[in-house]
Amino acid sequence: MRPFVKELKSLQDVFGYVNDVEAARQIEGIAEERCRTSRDAQRVAGYVIGWHNARADACWAGVADKWHDLKQAARFWR
């Protein structure tokens, strides 16, 4: 059971992070709505979104391998 759960957790981490990145993108709209005239707020929102997007791209790049590893893991329920 442990190898399967290990691979599943790894894949869930990627999907969880990508979901977090999507939620972080709301910062852009909030900054635009509430801080439209603040260049600093716009800049910070851009940095946060850019940083998360770069990390998400790196995480997502390995998702096919993680999916393959999960498919290859022994199923404990058989």
N, C-alpha and C. Protein backbone atom coordinates (compact mmCIF):
# COMPACT_ATOMS: atom_id res chain seq x y z
N MET A 1 0.83 -1.19 0.00
CA MET A 1 0.00 0.00 0.00
C MET A 1 0.88 1.26 0.00
N ARG A 2 1.99 1.25 0.68
CA ARG A 2 2.82 2.45 0.81
C ARG A 2 3.33 3.00 -0.52
N PRO A 3 3.82 2.16 -1.45
CA PRO A 3 4.28 2.71 -2.72
C PRO A 3 3.16 3.42 -3.50
N PHE A 4 1.97 2.83 -3.47
CA PHE A 4 0.85 3.44 -4.18
C PHE A 4 0.48 4.78 -3.56
N VAL A 5 0.38 4.80 -2.25
CA VAL A 5 0.00 6.03 -1.55
C VAL A 5 1.08 7.11 -1.74
N LYS A 6 2.34 6.71 -1.75
CA LYS A 6 3.43 7.66 -1.98
C LYS A 6 3.29 8.32 -3.34
N GLU A 7 3.03 7.54 -4.38
CA GLU A 7 2.87 8.10 -5.72
C GLU A 7 1.61 8.95 -5.82
N LEU A 8 0.55 8.51 -5.17
CA LEU A 8 -0.70 9.28 -5.19
C LEU A 8 -0.50 10.63 -4.51
N LYS A 9 0.17 10.66 -3.38
CA LYS A 9 0.42 11.91 -2.68
C LYS A 9 1.25 12.86 -3.53
N SER A 10 2.22 12.32 -4.22
CA SER A 10 3.07 13.15 -5.08
C SER A 10 2.23 13.83 -6.17
N LEU A 11 1.35 13.09 -6.77
CA LEU A 11 0.48 13.63 -7.81
C LEU A 11 -0.52 14.64 -7.21
N GLN A 12 -1.06 14.34 -6.05
CA GLN A 12 -1.99 15.25 -5.40
C GLN A 12 -1.31 16.57 -5.04
N ASP A 13 -0.04 16.50 -4.67
CA ASP A 13 0.70 17.73 -4.37
C ASP A 13 0.77 18.65 -5.58
N VAL A 14 1.01 18.07 -6.74
CA VAL A 14 1.07 18.88 -7.96
C VAL A 14 -0.30 19.50 -8.25
N PHE A 15 -1.35 18.70 -8.21
CA PHE A 15 -2.68 19.23 -8.50
C PHE A 15 -3.08 20.28 -7.46
N GLY A 16 -2.73 20.05 -6.21
CA GLY A 16 -3.03 21.02 -5.16
C GLY A 16 -2.32 22.34 -5.39
N TYR A 17 -1.05 22.26 -5.77
CA TYR A 17 -0.30 23.49 -6.01
C TYR A 17 -0.84 24.24 -7.23
N VAL A 18 -1.14 23.53 -8.28
CA VAL A 18 -1.70 24.19 -9.47
C VAL A 18 -3.02 24.86 -9.12
N ASN A 19 -3.81 24.25 -8.27
CA ASN A 19 -5.05 24.87 -7.81
C ASN A 19 -4.76 26.12 -6.99
N ASP A 20 -3.74 26.07 -6.13
CA ASP A 20 -3.35 27.24 -5.36
C ASP A 20 -2.92 28.39 -6.27
N VAL A 21 -2.22 28.07 -7.33
CA VAL A 21 -1.78 29.10 -8.29
C VAL A 21 -2.99 29.76 -8.92
N GLU A 22 -3.96 28.97 -9.28
CA GLU A 22 -5.17 29.54 -9.88
C GLU A 22 -5.85 30.48 -8.88
N ALA A 23 -5.89 30.10 -7.62
CA ALA A 23 -6.47 30.98 -6.61
C ALA A 23 -5.63 32.25 -6.45
N ALA A 24 -4.31 32.13 -6.54
CA ALA A 24 -3.43 33.30 -6.41
C ALA A 24 -3.66 34.29 -7.56
N ARG A 25 -4.10 33.82 -8.67
CA ARG A 25 -4.35 34.72 -9.81
C ARG A 25 -5.45 35.73 -9.50
N GLN A 26 -6.24 35.44 -8.49
CA GLN A 26 -7.28 36.39 -8.08
C GLN A 26 -6.66 37.67 -7.53
N ILE A 27 -5.40 37.58 -7.10
CA ILE A 27 -4.70 38.75 -6.57
C ILE A 27 -4.67 39.86 -7.63
N GLU A 28 -4.50 39.48 -8.87
CA GLU A 28 -4.46 40.46 -9.95
C GLU A 28 -5.75 41.27 -10.00
N GLY A 29 -6.87 40.58 -9.94
CA GLY A 29 -8.16 41.28 -9.97
C GLY A 29 -8.38 42.13 -8.73
N ILE A 30 -7.97 41.61 -7.59
CA ILE A 30 -8.12 42.38 -6.35
C ILE A 30 -7.27 43.64 -6.39
N ALA A 31 -6.03 43.50 -6.85
CA ALA A 31 -5.15 44.67 -6.95
C ALA A 31 -5.72 45.69 -7.92
N GLU A 32 -6.27 45.22 -9.02
CA GLU A 32 -6.85 46.12 -10.01
C GLU A 32 -8.07 46.83 -9.44
N GLU A 33 -8.89 46.10 -8.72
CA GLU A 33 -10.12 46.66 -8.17
C GLU A 33 -9.86 47.62 -7.02
N ARG A 34 -8.98 47.22 -6.11
CA ARG A 34 -8.82 47.99 -4.87
C ARG A 34 -7.60 48.91 -4.85
N CYS A 35 -6.65 48.66 -5.71
CA CYS A 35 -5.39 49.43 -5.68
C CYS A 35 -5.01 49.91 -7.07
N ARG A 36 -5.96 50.28 -7.83
CA ARG A 36 -5.74 50.63 -9.23
C ARG A 36 -4.66 51.68 -9.42
N THR A 37 -4.56 52.62 -8.51
CA THR A 37 -3.60 53.70 -8.67
C THR A 37 -2.25 53.42 -8.00
N SER A 38 -2.12 52.31 -7.35
CA SER A 38 -0.87 51.97 -6.66
C SER A 38 0.03 51.13 -7.56
N ARG A 39 1.10 51.74 -8.03
CA ARG A 39 2.06 50.99 -8.86
C ARG A 39 2.71 49.87 -8.05
N ASP A 40 2.95 50.14 -6.76
CA ASP A 40 3.57 49.12 -5.91
C ASP A 40 2.68 47.90 -5.78
N ALA A 41 1.38 48.12 -5.58
CA ALA A 41 0.45 47.00 -5.46
C ALA A 41 0.39 46.21 -6.76
N GLN A 42 0.37 46.90 -7.88
CA GLN A 42 0.34 46.23 -9.18
C GLN A 42 1.62 45.43 -9.39
N ARG A 43 2.75 46.01 -9.01
CA ARG A 43 4.04 45.33 -9.17
C ARG A 43 4.09 44.08 -8.29
N VAL A 44 3.67 44.21 -7.04
CA VAL A 44 3.69 43.06 -6.13
C VAL A 44 2.77 41.95 -6.64
N ALA A 45 1.59 42.32 -7.09
CA ALA A 45 0.67 41.32 -7.64
C ALA A 45 1.31 40.61 -8.82
N GLY A 46 1.99 41.35 -9.67
CA GLY A 46 2.67 40.75 -10.82
C GLY A 46 3.78 39.81 -10.40
N TYR A 47 4.55 40.19 -9.39
CA TYR A 47 5.62 39.32 -8.89
C TYR A 47 5.06 38.02 -8.32
N VAL A 48 4.02 38.16 -7.52
CA VAL A 48 3.42 36.97 -6.89
C VAL A 48 2.89 36.02 -7.96
N ILE A 49 2.17 36.55 -8.90
CA ILE A 49 1.60 35.70 -9.96
C ILE A 49 2.70 35.10 -10.82
N GLY A 50 3.68 35.90 -11.18
CA GLY A 50 4.79 35.40 -12.00
C GLY A 50 5.57 34.30 -11.30
N TRP A 51 5.84 34.50 -10.02
CA TRP A 51 6.58 33.50 -9.24
C TRP A 51 5.80 32.19 -9.19
N HIS A 52 4.52 32.29 -8.87
CA HIS A 52 3.69 31.09 -8.81
C HIS A 52 3.56 30.42 -10.17
N ASN A 53 3.40 31.19 -11.21
CA ASN A 53 3.29 30.60 -12.56
C ASN A 53 4.56 29.84 -12.93
N ALA A 54 5.70 30.40 -12.62
CA ALA A 54 6.97 29.72 -12.93
C ALA A 54 7.08 28.40 -12.16
N ARG A 55 6.73 28.42 -10.90
CA ARG A 55 6.78 27.19 -10.10
C ARG A 55 5.74 26.19 -10.59
N ALA A 56 4.56 26.67 -10.95
CA ALA A 56 3.52 25.77 -11.44
C ALA A 56 3.95 25.11 -12.74
N ASP A 57 4.59 25.88 -13.62
CA ASP A 57 5.07 25.30 -14.87
C ASP A 57 6.08 24.19 -14.59
N ALA A 58 6.97 24.43 -13.64
CA ALA A 58 7.97 23.42 -13.28
C ALA A 58 7.30 22.18 -12.68
N CYS A 59 6.32 22.39 -11.82
CA CYS A 59 5.60 21.25 -11.22
C CYS A 59 4.83 20.48 -12.30
N TRP A 60 4.16 21.22 -13.16
CA TRP A 60 3.33 20.60 -14.19
C TRP A 60 4.16 19.82 -15.20
N ALA A 61 5.40 20.27 -15.41
CA ALA A 61 6.27 19.60 -16.39
C ALA A 61 6.51 18.14 -16.02
N GLY A 62 6.51 17.83 -14.74
CA GLY A 62 6.77 16.46 -14.31
C GLY A 62 5.52 15.64 -14.04
N VAL A 63 4.34 16.20 -14.32
CA VAL A 63 3.11 15.50 -13.95
C VAL A 63 2.90 14.22 -14.76
N ALA A 64 3.32 14.20 -16.01
CA ALA A 64 3.16 12.98 -16.82
C ALA A 64 3.97 11.83 -16.23
N ASP A 65 5.18 12.13 -15.77
CA ASP A 65 6.00 11.10 -15.13
C ASP A 65 5.37 10.62 -13.83
N LYS A 66 4.83 11.57 -13.06
CA LYS A 66 4.18 11.19 -11.80
C LYS A 66 2.95 10.32 -12.06
N TRP A 67 2.20 10.67 -13.10
CA TRP A 67 1.01 9.88 -13.47
C TRP A 67 1.44 8.47 -13.89
N HIS A 68 2.49 8.39 -14.67
CA HIS A 68 3.01 7.09 -15.10
C HIS A 68 3.44 6.27 -13.88
N ASP A 69 4.15 6.90 -12.94
CA ASP A 69 4.60 6.20 -11.74
C ASP A 69 3.41 5.69 -10.93
N LEU A 70 2.37 6.50 -10.84
CA LEU A 70 1.18 6.06 -10.11
C LEU A 70 0.53 4.87 -10.80
N LYS A 71 0.45 4.92 -12.12
CA LYS A 71 -0.16 3.80 -12.86
C LYS A 71 0.66 2.52 -12.69
N GLN A 72 1.97 2.66 -12.52
CA GLN A 72 2.83 1.49 -12.38
C GLN A 72 2.88 0.96 -10.95
N ALA A 73 2.48 1.76 -9.99
CA ALA A 73 2.55 1.34 -8.58
C ALA A 73 1.60 0.16 -8.36
N ALA A 74 2.04 -0.76 -7.55
CA ALA A 74 1.21 -1.94 -7.24
C ALA A 74 -0.08 -1.50 -6.55
N ARG A 75 -1.16 -2.08 -6.99
CA ARG A 75 -2.44 -1.79 -6.36
C ARG A 75 -2.66 -2.72 -5.18
N PHE A 76 -2.82 -2.14 -4.04
CA PHE A 76 -2.93 -2.93 -2.82
C PHE A 76 -4.30 -3.58 -2.68
N TRP A 77 -5.27 -3.16 -3.47
CA TRP A 77 -6.62 -3.71 -3.33
C TRP A 77 -6.86 -4.93 -4.21
N ARG A 78 -5.86 -5.35 -4.94
CA ARG A 78 -6.04 -6.53 -5.80
C ARG A 78 -5.85 -7.78 -5.03
